[in-house]
């Protein structure tokens, strides 16, 4: 008993005087480790007579607890002192210039969104937004999509079990077109907006993802015709791809919310495994590729938004932002956009200082 008390006092004194964490760890092993004297003393309890064990066990356990507590206290003090010394030693000179290359990068989708906003702002368009959780009236009915339209099916659309107070079904919007309805209801006419944002459809492969990005455009005014639509899209595509040889082909199509409806194709050629937009698709070595859907706004859509279709006309167009980014910057698999791989972002990402401007070229990099 006398030996345990003496060794405990010596151990506590050594722990209190430990100069660093390494020395403290050595003392812990010497006392509480598998071969430490406290551990060895505990092992001897099994060989003692009961009356001896009753006296020795409390003393050994008390020594063990005291040493363990002293080690924790000293460890906390040493760690705090080490942190203080490190903070005093490692200073940051705020007068030094920032690193040339920032650690983060802007995602290509965000960059293309900014490019589109810059181009259309120059054409007099405002940016509008709407909820991503929509009701079926704004997403389908007001856009002249009847109850039997395939897009309303469960295998194409993500529905919620809840309904609105009006009894409408609730869903994740399948396109940004509902923003057209909300903008016309809120602002009336004349109107000139673009509506970029996230949309959701039940689809996933190399060229489709369940969540992707669209941009919708809408012009409502008096005496609007298809020529205004063609000029707007031609001007936009020339500015976006930064080429003057962009050739458009308008193909008749069908969308419930436009009449007449046209698909917009652009000419392109393959170079180094990439599609390079430019020229006519009828030229040798070129082909046509669909990039936009568009048309004159259906009278029923204008009426559903509370405007008089005999007084107001307009055009609308929509395209996938992710597809535009793929086409302009040469990315093959759409799924990589959402993997969050830092190597992919480092390769395809943009510096936050590369702000798109029409004067410097919307796609210019620093």
Protein backbone atom coordinates (compact mmCIF):
# COMPACT_ATOMS: atom_id res chain seq x y z
CA UNK A 1 0.00 0.00 0.00
CA UNK A 2 2.84 2.33 0.85
CA UNK A 3 4.49 1.58 -2.52
CA UNK A 4 1.28 2.34 -4.44
CA UNK A 5 0.84 5.67 -2.65
CA UNK A 6 4.48 6.64 -3.24
CA UNK A 7 4.39 5.64 -6.93
CA UNK A 8 1.10 7.46 -7.43
CA UNK A 9 2.49 10.69 -5.97
CA UNK A 10 5.60 10.38 -8.13
CA UNK A 11 3.51 9.73 -11.23
CA UNK A 12 1.24 12.73 -10.54
CA UNK A 13 4.27 14.98 -10.08
CA UNK A 14 5.83 13.74 -13.32
CA UNK A 15 2.56 14.24 -15.21
CA UNK A 16 2.19 17.80 -13.92
CA UNK A 17 5.74 18.54 -15.10
CA UNK A 18 5.44 16.84 -18.52
CA UNK A 19 6.93 19.33 -21.01
CA UNK A 20 5.07 18.15 -24.10
CA UNK A 21 2.50 15.70 -25.44
CA UNK A 22 5.12 13.09 -26.36
CA UNK A 23 6.45 13.00 -22.81
CA UNK A 24 2.91 12.82 -21.45
CA UNK A 25 2.13 9.85 -23.68
CA UNK A 26 5.27 8.07 -22.42
CA UNK A 27 4.09 8.58 -18.84
CA UNK A 28 0.64 7.22 -19.72
CA UNK A 29 2.17 4.04 -21.13
CA UNK A 30 4.47 3.74 -18.09
CA UNK A 31 1.52 3.88 -15.68
CA UNK A 32 -1.72 2.86 -17.43
CA UNK A 33 -0.40 0.95 -20.44
CA UNK A 34 -0.68 -2.83 -20.74
CA UNK A 35 2.75 -3.18 -19.09
CA UNK A 36 2.38 -0.14 -16.81
CA UNK A 37 2.73 -0.57 -13.08
CA UNK A 38 -0.95 0.23 -12.41
CA UNK A 39 -2.09 -2.44 -14.87
CA UNK A 40 0.35 -4.95 -13.38
CA UNK A 41 -0.87 -4.14 -9.88
CA UNK A 42 -4.46 -4.80 -10.95
CA UNK A 43 -3.45 -8.22 -12.24
CA UNK A 44 -2.08 -9.20 -8.82
CA UNK A 45 -5.50 -8.84 -7.19
CA UNK A 46 -6.47 -12.32 -8.38
CA UNK A 47 -3.64 -13.92 -6.43
CA UNK A 48 -4.42 -12.18 -3.11
CA UNK A 49 -6.43 -13.49 -0.20
CA UNK A 50 -9.90 -11.89 0.15
CA UNK A 51 -8.95 -9.72 3.10
CA UNK A 52 -5.83 -8.46 1.26
CA UNK A 53 -7.88 -7.81 -1.88
CA UNK A 54 -10.38 -5.71 0.09
CA UNK A 55 -7.59 -3.38 1.16
CA UNK A 56 -5.52 -3.31 -2.07
CA UNK A 57 -8.27 -3.01 -4.71
CA UNK A 58 -9.64 0.43 -3.64
CA UNK A 59 -6.12 1.84 -3.42
CA UNK A 60 -5.14 0.61 -6.87
CA UNK A 61 -8.41 1.80 -8.45
CA UNK A 62 -8.02 5.19 -6.77
CA UNK A 63 -4.47 5.48 -8.11
CA UNK A 64 -5.65 4.56 -11.59
CA UNK A 65 -8.45 7.16 -11.54
CA UNK A 66 -6.20 9.91 -10.18
CA UNK A 67 -3.49 9.27 -12.78
CA UNK A 68 -6.01 9.11 -15.66
CA UNK A 69 -7.61 12.40 -14.60
CA UNK A 70 -4.22 14.09 -14.22
CA UNK A 71 -3.20 12.96 -17.70
CA UNK A 72 -6.40 14.40 -19.24
CA UNK A 73 -5.96 17.73 -17.45
CA UNK A 74 -2.31 18.02 -18.49
CA UNK A 75 -3.12 16.98 -22.07
CA UNK A 76 -5.74 19.72 -22.39
CA UNK A 77 -3.30 22.30 -21.02
CA UNK A 78 -0.50 21.23 -23.38
CA UNK A 79 -2.84 21.25 -26.42
CA UNK A 80 -4.08 24.73 -25.55
CA UNK A 81 -0.53 26.00 -25.15
CA UNK A 82 0.49 24.43 -28.47
CA UNK A 83 -2.44 26.07 -30.24
CA UNK A 84 -1.59 29.46 -28.76
CA UNK A 85 2.02 29.10 -29.89
CA UNK A 86 0.92 28.07 -33.40
CA UNK A 87 -1.46 31.01 -33.71
CA UNK A 88 1.29 33.37 -32.65
CA UNK A 89 3.76 31.78 -35.07
CA UNK A 90 1.55 31.37 -38.18
CA UNK A 91 0.48 34.83 -39.23
CA UNK A 92 -1.27 35.87 -42.45
CA UNK A 93 -0.05 38.95 -44.26
CA UNK A 94 -3.25 40.57 -45.53
CA UNK A 95 -1.22 42.98 -47.66
CA UNK A 96 -0.03 40.18 -49.96
CA UNK A 97 -1.85 39.80 -53.32
CA UNK A 98 -4.49 37.09 -53.66
CA UNK A 99 -3.48 33.83 -55.39
CA UNK A 100 -3.58 34.02 -59.18
CA UNK A 101 -5.81 30.95 -59.46
CA UNK A 102 -8.76 30.76 -57.04
CA UNK A 103 -9.39 27.41 -55.42
CA UNK A 104 -13.02 27.19 -56.50
CA UNK A 105 -14.57 27.38 -59.94
CA UNK A 106 -17.92 28.30 -61.47
CA UNK A 107 -19.93 25.37 -62.81
CA UNK A 108 -20.44 25.46 -66.61
CA UNK A 109 -24.24 25.56 -66.13
CA UNK A 110 -23.96 28.64 -63.91
CA UNK A 111 -21.60 30.25 -66.41
CA UNK A 112 -23.94 29.57 -69.34
CA UNK A 113 -26.88 30.93 -67.32
CA UNK A 114 -24.93 34.17 -66.87
CA UNK A 115 -24.05 34.24 -70.57
CA UNK A 116 -27.71 33.84 -71.55
CA UNK A 117 -28.83 36.54 -69.12
CA UNK A 118 -26.18 38.92 -70.51
CA UNK A 119 -27.26 38.34 -74.12
CA UNK A 120 -30.98 38.66 -73.51
CA UNK A 121 -30.56 41.67 -71.23
CA UNK A 122 -28.99 43.42 -74.21
CA UNK A 123 -32.12 42.53 -76.18
CA UNK A 124 -34.36 44.09 -73.55
CA UNK A 125 -35.46 40.91 -71.73
CA UNK A 126 -35.99 40.78 -67.98
CA UNK A 127 -35.23 37.65 -65.94
CA UNK A 128 -38.28 36.01 -64.32
CA UNK A 129 -38.53 33.06 -61.96
CA UNK A 130 -41.20 30.79 -60.58
CA UNK A 131 -41.63 27.93 -58.07
CA UNK A 132 -40.05 24.57 -58.81
CA UNK A 133 -42.92 22.86 -56.96
CA UNK A 134 -45.89 23.64 -59.20
CA UNK A 135 -49.54 22.73 -59.53
CA UNK A 136 -50.88 20.93 -62.59
CA UNK A 137 -52.92 23.95 -63.71
CA UNK A 138 -49.88 26.18 -64.24
CA UNK A 139 -47.69 23.32 -65.46
CA UNK A 140 -50.17 21.72 -67.87
CA UNK A 141 -53.73 23.05 -68.10
CA UNK A 142 -52.97 26.75 -68.59
CA UNK A 143 -50.45 25.75 -71.27
CA UNK A 144 -53.17 24.04 -73.32
CA UNK A 145 -52.09 20.50 -72.41
CA UNK A 146 -55.22 18.34 -72.13
CA UNK A 147 -55.90 15.71 -69.50
CA UNK A 148 -54.72 12.85 -71.74
CA UNK A 149 -51.38 14.43 -72.69
CA UNK A 150 -48.53 11.89 -72.21
CA UNK A 151 -46.44 14.38 -70.20
CA UNK A 152 -49.00 14.16 -67.40
CA UNK A 153 -48.29 10.44 -66.92
CA UNK A 154 -46.63 9.25 -63.71
CA UNK A 155 -43.71 7.75 -65.63
CA UNK A 156 -42.79 11.19 -67.00
CA UNK A 157 -43.61 13.50 -64.08
CA UNK A 158 -42.76 13.52 -60.36
CA UNK A 159 -46.00 14.00 -58.41
CA UNK A 160 -46.52 14.75 -54.71
CA UNK A 161 -49.27 13.04 -52.71
CA UNK A 162 -50.64 16.41 -51.56
CA UNK A 163 -52.99 18.77 -53.36
CA UNK A 164 -53.43 22.54 -53.30
CA UNK A 165 -56.35 24.12 -51.41
CA UNK A 166 -58.07 24.39 -54.82
CA UNK A 167 -57.74 20.62 -55.28
CA UNK A 168 -55.00 20.82 -57.92
CA UNK A 169 -52.30 18.16 -58.11
CA UNK A 170 -48.81 19.16 -56.96
CA UNK A 171 -45.66 18.21 -58.89
CA UNK A 172 -42.08 19.11 -59.68
CA UNK A 173 -42.31 21.34 -62.74
CA UNK A 174 -41.42 19.58 -65.97
CA UNK A 175 -40.46 22.77 -67.82
CA UNK A 176 -40.01 26.48 -67.13
CA UNK A 177 -43.11 27.34 -69.21
CA UNK A 178 -45.32 27.85 -66.10
CA UNK A 179 -43.29 31.02 -65.50
CA UNK A 180 -44.90 32.39 -68.69
CA UNK A 181 -48.34 32.09 -67.15
CA UNK A 182 -47.32 33.56 -63.82
CA UNK A 183 -45.47 36.47 -65.47
CA UNK A 184 -48.44 37.36 -67.70
CA UNK A 185 -50.81 37.14 -64.74
CA UNK A 186 -48.58 39.35 -62.59
CA UNK A 187 -47.28 41.90 -65.10
CA UNK A 188 -49.77 41.81 -67.96
CA UNK A 189 -48.61 43.02 -71.36
CA UNK A 190 -46.44 44.10 -73.09
CA UNK A 191 -43.90 41.62 -71.72
CA UNK A 192 -40.43 40.44 -72.60
CA UNK A 193 -38.85 37.87 -70.25
CA UNK A 194 -36.52 34.91 -70.03
CA UNK A 195 -37.05 32.27 -67.33
CA UNK A 196 -33.99 30.11 -66.57
CA UNK A 197 -34.21 27.43 -63.92
CA UNK A 198 -34.25 23.81 -62.83
CA UNK A 199 -36.83 21.36 -64.15
CA UNK A 200 -37.54 17.70 -63.41
CA UNK A 201 -38.53 14.67 -65.46
CA UNK A 202 -38.39 10.95 -64.81
CA UNK A 203 -35.56 10.17 -67.22
CA UNK A 204 -31.87 9.28 -66.85
CA UNK A 205 -29.15 8.24 -69.31
CA UNK A 206 -26.06 9.75 -70.94
CA UNK A 207 -28.13 12.50 -72.57
CA UNK A 208 -30.91 12.90 -69.97
CA UNK A 209 -30.99 13.49 -66.22
CA UNK A 210 -33.92 13.60 -63.76
CA UNK A 211 -33.06 17.21 -62.99
CA UNK A 212 -31.76 19.59 -65.64
CA UNK A 213 -31.86 23.26 -66.57
CA UNK A 214 -33.98 25.09 -69.13
CA UNK A 215 -34.38 28.63 -70.27
CA UNK A 216 -37.73 29.86 -71.49
CA UNK A 217 -38.27 33.05 -73.46
CA UNK A 218 -41.52 34.96 -73.93
CA UNK A 219 -42.47 38.11 -75.81
CA UNK A 220 -46.02 39.48 -75.64
CA UNK A 221 -46.88 42.65 -77.53
CA UNK A 222 -49.02 43.93 -80.39
CA UNK A 223 -48.44 42.88 -83.99
CA UNK A 224 -45.80 40.25 -83.11
CA UNK A 225 -45.10 37.73 -85.87
CA UNK A 226 -42.81 34.80 -86.71
CA UNK A 227 -40.18 37.08 -88.23
CA UNK A 228 -39.56 38.64 -84.80
CA UNK A 229 -39.01 35.17 -83.40
CA UNK A 230 -36.52 34.20 -86.10
CA UNK A 231 -34.53 37.41 -85.71
CA UNK A 232 -34.40 37.09 -81.92
CA UNK A 233 -33.18 33.49 -81.97
CA UNK A 234 -30.67 34.14 -84.74
CA UNK A 235 -29.25 37.11 -82.82
CA UNK A 236 -29.11 35.08 -79.62
CA UNK A 237 -27.35 32.07 -81.18
CA UNK A 238 -24.78 34.22 -82.97
CA UNK A 239 -23.93 35.99 -79.71
CA UNK A 240 -23.86 32.78 -77.67
CA UNK A 241 -21.63 30.78 -80.03
CA UNK A 242 -19.72 33.94 -80.96
CA UNK A 243 -19.92 33.25 -84.70
CA UNK A 244 -21.55 35.18 -87.51
CA UNK A 245 -21.97 32.16 -89.80
CA UNK A 246 -24.80 30.62 -87.75
CA UNK A 247 -27.52 29.37 -90.12
CA UNK A 248 -30.99 28.55 -88.80
CA UNK A 249 -33.49 26.11 -90.21
CA UNK A 250 -37.11 26.34 -89.04
CA UNK A 251 -39.03 23.06 -89.16
CA UNK A 252 -42.79 22.84 -88.55
CA UNK A 253 -43.55 21.01 -85.31
CA UNK A 254 -46.21 20.75 -82.63
CA UNK A 255 -46.31 22.06 -79.07
CA UNK A 256 -49.64 22.49 -77.26
CA UNK A 257 -48.76 25.99 -76.08
CA UNK A 258 -47.69 27.46 -79.44
CA UNK A 259 -49.40 27.68 -82.82
CA UNK A 260 -47.72 27.60 -85.26
CA UNK A 261 -44.78 25.71 -83.68
CA UNK A 262 -41.29 25.38 -85.12
CA UNK A 263 -38.15 23.48 -84.21
CA UNK A 264 -34.94 25.47 -84.65
CA UNK A 265 -31.99 23.61 -86.18
CA UNK A 266 -28.46 24.92 -86.63
CA UNK A 267 -25.76 23.70 -88.98
CA UNK A 268 -22.67 22.04 -87.53
CA UNK A 269 -19.59 20.03 -88.47
CA UNK A 270 -17.57 17.43 -86.53
CA UNK A 271 -14.04 18.52 -85.61
CA UNK A 272 -11.85 16.50 -83.25
CA UNK A 273 -14.81 14.52 -81.97
CA UNK A 274 -16.75 17.71 -81.17
CA UNK A 275 -19.73 19.33 -82.80
CA UNK A 276 -18.72 22.78 -83.98
CA UNK A 277 -21.72 25.00 -84.69
CA UNK A 278 -21.52 27.10 -87.86
CA UNK A 279 -22.48 27.15 -91.50
CA UNK A 280 -25.44 25.51 -93.16
CA UNK A 281 -26.35 21.90 -92.47
CA UNK A 282 -26.65 21.40 -96.24
CA UNK A 283 -22.95 22.14 -96.85
CA UNK A 284 -20.59 19.18 -97.50
CA UNK A 285 -19.42 17.73 -94.20
CA UNK A 286 -22.14 19.52 -92.25
CA UNK A 287 -25.43 18.40 -90.74
CA UNK A 288 -28.44 19.89 -88.97
CA UNK A 289 -28.97 19.70 -85.21
CA UNK A 290 -32.03 20.72 -83.20
CA UNK A 291 -31.27 23.25 -80.46
CA UNK A 292 -34.56 25.03 -79.70
CA UNK A 293 -38.31 24.59 -79.66
CA UNK A 294 -40.40 27.67 -80.34
CA UNK A 295 -43.53 29.15 -81.87
CA UNK A 296 -46.25 31.77 -81.64
CA UNK A 297 -48.03 31.69 -78.29
CA UNK A 298 -51.34 29.83 -78.55
CA UNK A 299 -54.42 32.03 -78.14
CA UNK A 300 -55.69 29.73 -75.38
CA UNK A 301 -52.50 30.27 -73.36
CA UNK A 302 -52.82 34.05 -73.65
CA UNK A 303 -56.45 33.85 -72.57
CA UNK A 304 -55.63 31.51 -69.65
CA UNK A 305 -53.17 34.13 -68.38
CA UNK A 306 -55.93 36.75 -68.36
CA UNK A 307 -55.01 38.67 -71.53
CA UNK A 308 -57.10 39.34 -74.63
CA UNK A 309 -55.69 37.23 -77.52
CA UNK A 310 -57.37 39.55 -80.05
CA UNK A 311 -55.24 42.42 -78.75
CA UNK A 312 -52.00 40.70 -77.74
CA UNK A 313 -49.81 38.24 -79.61
CA UNK A 314 -46.40 36.83 -78.88
CA UNK A 315 -43.78 34.16 -79.33
CA UNK A 316 -42.09 31.75 -76.96
CA UNK A 317 -39.02 29.54 -77.13
CA UNK A 318 -37.22 27.11 -74.88
CA UNK A 319 -33.97 25.20 -74.80
CA UNK A 320 -31.88 23.11 -72.42
CA UNK A 321 -29.09 25.05 -70.72
CA UNK A 322 -27.11 21.87 -70.06
CA UNK A 323 -27.27 20.93 -73.75
CA UNK A 324 -26.07 24.40 -74.76
CA UNK A 325 -23.15 24.09 -72.32
CA UNK A 326 -22.31 20.66 -73.75
CA UNK A 327 -22.40 21.97 -77.28
CA UNK A 328 -20.35 25.10 -76.67
CA UNK A 329 -17.71 23.70 -74.33
CA UNK A 330 -17.36 20.12 -75.60
CA UNK A 331 -18.70 17.95 -72.78
CA UNK A 332 -20.00 14.52 -73.79
CA UNK A 333 -21.87 12.97 -70.84
CA UNK A 334 -24.65 15.00 -69.26
CA UNK A 335 -24.49 12.96 -66.04
CA UNK A 336 -21.02 14.35 -65.28
CA UNK A 337 -22.65 17.76 -64.73
CA UNK A 338 -24.11 16.50 -61.45
CA UNK A 339 -21.44 14.08 -60.18
CA UNK A 340 -19.57 16.77 -58.25
CA UNK A 341 -16.18 15.41 -59.35
CA UNK A 342 -13.60 18.13 -58.48
CA UNK A 343 -11.37 17.00 -61.36
CA UNK A 344 -14.20 17.57 -63.85
CA UNK A 345 -14.98 20.95 -62.30
CA UNK A 346 -11.31 21.94 -62.35
CA UNK A 347 -11.13 21.09 -66.06
CA UNK A 348 -14.44 22.54 -67.27
CA UNK A 349 -15.12 25.14 -64.56
CA UNK A 350 -14.70 28.89 -64.94
CA UNK A 351 -12.89 31.42 -62.84
CA UNK A 352 -15.33 33.54 -60.80
CA UNK A 353 -13.63 36.54 -62.39
CA UNK A 354 -14.69 35.43 -65.91
CA UNK A 355 -17.90 37.46 -65.96
CA UNK A 356 -19.68 37.21 -69.33
CA UNK A 357 -19.81 40.50 -71.20
CA UNK A 358 -20.85 41.22 -74.76
CA UNK A 359 -17.90 43.57 -75.24
CA UNK A 360 -15.30 40.94 -74.28
CA UNK A 361 -17.19 37.94 -75.66
CA UNK A 362 -19.62 36.06 -73.47
CA UNK A 363 -17.49 32.91 -73.48
CA UNK A 364 -14.11 34.58 -73.00
CA UNK A 365 -11.85 33.14 -70.31
CA UNK A 366 -9.28 35.08 -68.34
